[in-house]
Amino acid sequence: MGKRNGPYLADFAVSTKVCVADRATLERFKNEWKSHHPLAPEQLEFAGKVAIVQAIGYYHGADEIYTLEGLLGLWHEQCLRDVPEGREG
């Protein structure tokens, strides 16, 4: 819900490199998230991957939903991180 920039202001801009959270974080999100756009089991395989933000959407309530180049599915902001220093992909 816009932890950095506030509601309806994306935390990660289009063309920004992001890192998918680690597998434990993704599994926790998958098990606990009860709202829109749940993670698909196949998305767990992308844990730790670096990708480029292709598109941003917002769900009612300001939840940020991202499409990442080359990665299956839609991604909640809670499942994404800044790319760690020294890691480009």
Protein backbone atom coordinates (compact mmCIF):
# COMPACT_ATOMS: atom_id res chain seq x y z
CA MET A 1 0.00 0.00 0.00
CA GLY A 2 2.69 2.43 -0.93
CA LYS A 3 4.96 1.94 2.07
CA ARG A 4 7.52 4.39 0.68
CA ASN A 5 5.54 6.90 -1.34
CA GLY A 6 2.00 6.63 -0.04
CA PRO A 7 -1.24 5.37 -1.58
CA TYR A 8 -1.41 5.18 -5.37
CA LEU A 9 2.24 6.26 -5.74
CA ALA A 10 4.32 3.27 -6.80
CA ASP A 11 7.24 2.19 -4.67
CA PHE A 12 8.97 0.83 -7.78
CA ALA A 13 8.75 2.73 -11.09
CA VAL A 14 8.38 1.13 -14.51
CA SER A 15 11.83 0.06 -15.81
CA THR A 16 13.19 -0.28 -12.26
CA LYS A 17 15.05 -3.47 -11.35
CA VAL A 18 13.55 -5.24 -8.34
CA CYS A 19 14.34 -8.41 -6.45
CA VAL A 20 11.64 -10.92 -5.61
CA ALA A 21 11.61 -11.72 -1.89
CA ASP A 22 13.14 -14.94 -0.56
CA ARG A 23 11.15 -18.17 -0.70
CA ALA A 24 10.21 -18.16 3.01
CA THR A 25 8.69 -14.68 2.62
CA LEU A 26 6.79 -15.72 -0.51
CA GLU A 27 5.45 -18.86 1.18
CA ARG A 28 4.33 -16.86 4.21
CA PHE A 29 2.60 -14.32 1.95
CA LYS A 30 0.95 -17.11 -0.06
CA ASN A 31 -0.38 -18.76 3.11
CA GLU A 32 -1.50 -15.59 4.90
CA TRP A 33 -2.79 -13.36 2.09
CA LYS A 34 -6.56 -13.75 1.79
CA SER A 35 -7.41 -10.91 -0.58
CA HIS A 36 -7.10 -10.28 -4.31
CA HIS A 37 -4.47 -11.73 -6.65
CA PRO A 38 -3.05 -14.57 -4.52
CA LEU A 39 0.38 -15.90 -5.44
CA ALA A 40 0.31 -18.97 -7.65
CA PRO A 41 2.44 -21.93 -6.52
CA GLU A 42 4.60 -21.48 -9.64
CA GLN A 43 5.59 -17.99 -8.51
CA LEU A 44 7.51 -19.41 -5.54
CA GLU A 45 10.16 -20.59 -8.00
CA PHE A 46 11.08 -16.95 -8.71
CA ALA A 47 12.26 -16.30 -5.14
CA GLY A 48 15.38 -14.13 -5.16
CA LYS A 49 15.21 -13.40 -8.90
CA VAL A 50 15.92 -9.92 -10.24
CA ALA A 51 13.50 -8.54 -12.82
CA ILE A 52 12.44 -5.25 -14.39
CA VAL A 53 9.08 -3.66 -13.58
CA GLN A 54 7.03 -3.75 -16.77
CA ALA A 55 3.73 -2.33 -15.50
CA ILE A 56 2.05 -1.12 -12.32
CA GLY A 57 -1.57 -1.38 -11.33
CA TYR A 58 -3.49 -0.55 -8.19
CA TYR A 59 -6.14 -2.55 -6.48
CA HIS A 60 -8.91 -0.78 -4.56
CA GLY A 61 -7.33 0.31 -1.29
CA ALA A 62 -4.08 1.33 -2.99
CA ASP A 63 -2.39 -2.08 -3.05
CA GLU A 64 0.33 -1.96 -5.69
CA ILE A 65 0.31 -4.83 -8.18
CA TYR A 66 3.33 -5.24 -10.45
CA THR A 67 3.98 -7.07 -13.70
CA LEU A 68 7.63 -8.08 -14.01
CA GLU A 69 9.39 -8.79 -17.30
CA GLY A 70 9.96 -12.50 -17.76
CA LEU A 71 8.23 -13.57 -14.54
CA LEU A 72 4.85 -15.26 -14.40
CA GLY A 73 1.91 -13.63 -12.63
CA LEU A 74 1.18 -10.45 -10.77
CA TRP A 75 3.32 -9.37 -7.84
CA HIS A 76 2.29 -7.51 -4.70
CA GLU A 77 4.66 -4.85 -3.41
CA GLN A 78 5.10 -6.96 -0.23
CA CYS A 79 6.82 -9.60 -2.38
CA LEU A 80 9.39 -7.24 -3.89
CA ARG A 81 12.59 -5.70 -2.60
CA ASP A 82 15.29 -3.33 -3.77
CA VAL A 83 18.05 -5.13 -5.65
CA PRO A 84 20.88 -5.78 -3.18
CA GLU A 85 24.05 -3.86 -3.88
CA GLY A 86 26.35 -5.71 -6.22
CA ARG A 87 23.51 -7.79 -7.71
CA GLU A 88 22.37 -6.86 -11.15
CA GLY A 89 20.51 -9.96 -12.15
